Amino acid sequence: MTGRHRKRPGLHVRIPQQPAPRLVGMTDARTRIEHLIDASAMEHRHSGRYLALCGARVLAASLTDPGRDRCAECAR
């Protein structure tokens, strides 16, 4: 039976859908500008410094600080 293959029912492999990135707005303590940060990639949370979507390093401000503006690069 070389060259002949039959599809067997039930042997389909399904690839799970990747979840959409969960973005969190965080105000930078130095500039008071709010940046977007991927919540699943918060590997530096012990130091309080995060990498925003725009590439800026964010030093987390108090969660009660509303900031003064939003980053235009992160909003894209």
Protein backbone atom coordinates (compact mmCIF):
# COMPACT_ATOMS: atom_id res chain seq x y z
CA MET A 1 0.00 0.00 0.00
CA THR A 2 2.75 2.44 -0.73
CA GLY A 3 1.50 5.80 -1.83
CA ARG A 4 -2.02 5.30 -0.48
CA HIS A 5 -3.13 6.94 2.70
CA ARG A 6 -6.54 7.05 4.23
CA LYS A 7 -7.70 9.75 6.56
CA ARG A 8 -8.70 8.25 9.84
CA PRO A 9 -11.57 9.96 11.62
CA GLY A 10 -10.76 11.56 14.95
CA LEU A 11 -7.02 12.01 14.41
CA HIS A 12 -7.12 15.70 13.57
CA VAL A 13 -4.80 17.84 15.61
CA ARG A 14 -6.25 21.18 16.61
CA ILE A 15 -4.00 24.07 17.39
CA PRO A 16 -5.34 26.12 20.29
CA GLN A 17 -6.06 29.76 19.58
CA GLN A 18 -3.64 32.22 21.07
CA PRO A 19 -5.33 34.55 23.53
CA ALA A 20 -5.37 38.22 22.64
CA PRO A 21 -2.78 40.20 24.58
CA ARG A 22 -4.18 41.76 27.71
CA LEU A 23 -2.98 45.34 27.89
CA VAL A 24 -2.70 47.33 31.09
CA GLY A 25 -2.35 51.10 31.28
CA MET A 26 0.43 52.19 33.63
CA THR A 27 1.55 55.71 34.47
CA ASP A 28 5.28 56.43 34.41
CA ALA A 29 6.40 58.05 37.68
CA ARG A 30 9.00 60.23 35.95
CA THR A 31 6.98 61.67 33.06
CA ARG A 32 3.42 61.01 34.35
CA ILE A 33 2.46 59.67 30.89
CA GLU A 34 0.32 56.54 30.70
CA HIS A 35 1.79 53.69 28.64
CA LEU A 36 0.30 50.33 27.63
CA ILE A 37 2.01 47.21 28.95
CA ASP A 38 1.33 43.57 28.03
CA ALA A 39 0.06 42.01 31.27
CA SER A 40 1.41 38.54 30.41
CA ALA A 41 4.97 39.83 30.01
CA MET A 42 5.45 41.54 33.35
CA GLU A 43 8.72 39.81 34.17
CA HIS A 44 10.23 42.82 35.96
CA ARG A 45 7.38 43.46 38.36
CA HIS A 46 9.63 42.86 41.38
CA SER A 47 11.66 45.97 40.48
CA GLY A 48 8.69 48.14 39.48
CA ARG A 49 10.08 48.76 35.98
CA TYR A 50 8.23 47.60 32.89
CA LEU A 51 8.68 47.67 29.13
CA ALA A 52 5.84 49.46 27.31
CA LEU A 53 4.56 48.62 23.83
CA CYS A 54 6.32 51.69 22.45
CA GLY A 55 9.67 50.48 23.85
CA ALA A 56 9.86 52.95 26.72
CA ARG A 57 10.99 51.79 30.16
CA VAL A 58 8.25 52.63 32.64
CA LEU A 59 8.81 53.18 36.35
CA ALA A 60 5.44 52.41 37.92
CA ALA A 61 3.74 55.31 39.65
CA SER A 62 1.08 55.05 42.31
CA LEU A 63 -2.07 53.40 40.97
CA THR A 64 -4.05 56.42 42.16
CA ASP A 65 -2.03 58.81 39.98
CA PRO A 66 -4.18 59.64 36.93
CA GLY A 67 -1.20 60.91 34.95
CA ARG A 68 -1.38 63.86 32.62
CA ASP A 69 -1.48 62.29 29.15
CA ARG A 70 -1.40 59.03 27.19
CA CYS A 71 1.44 57.80 25.00
CA ALA A 72 0.60 58.22 21.29
CA GLU A 73 3.02 55.43 20.28
CA CYS A 74 1.33 52.86 22.55
CA ALA A 75 -2.13 53.78 21.24
CA ARG A 76 -1.28 52.68 17.69
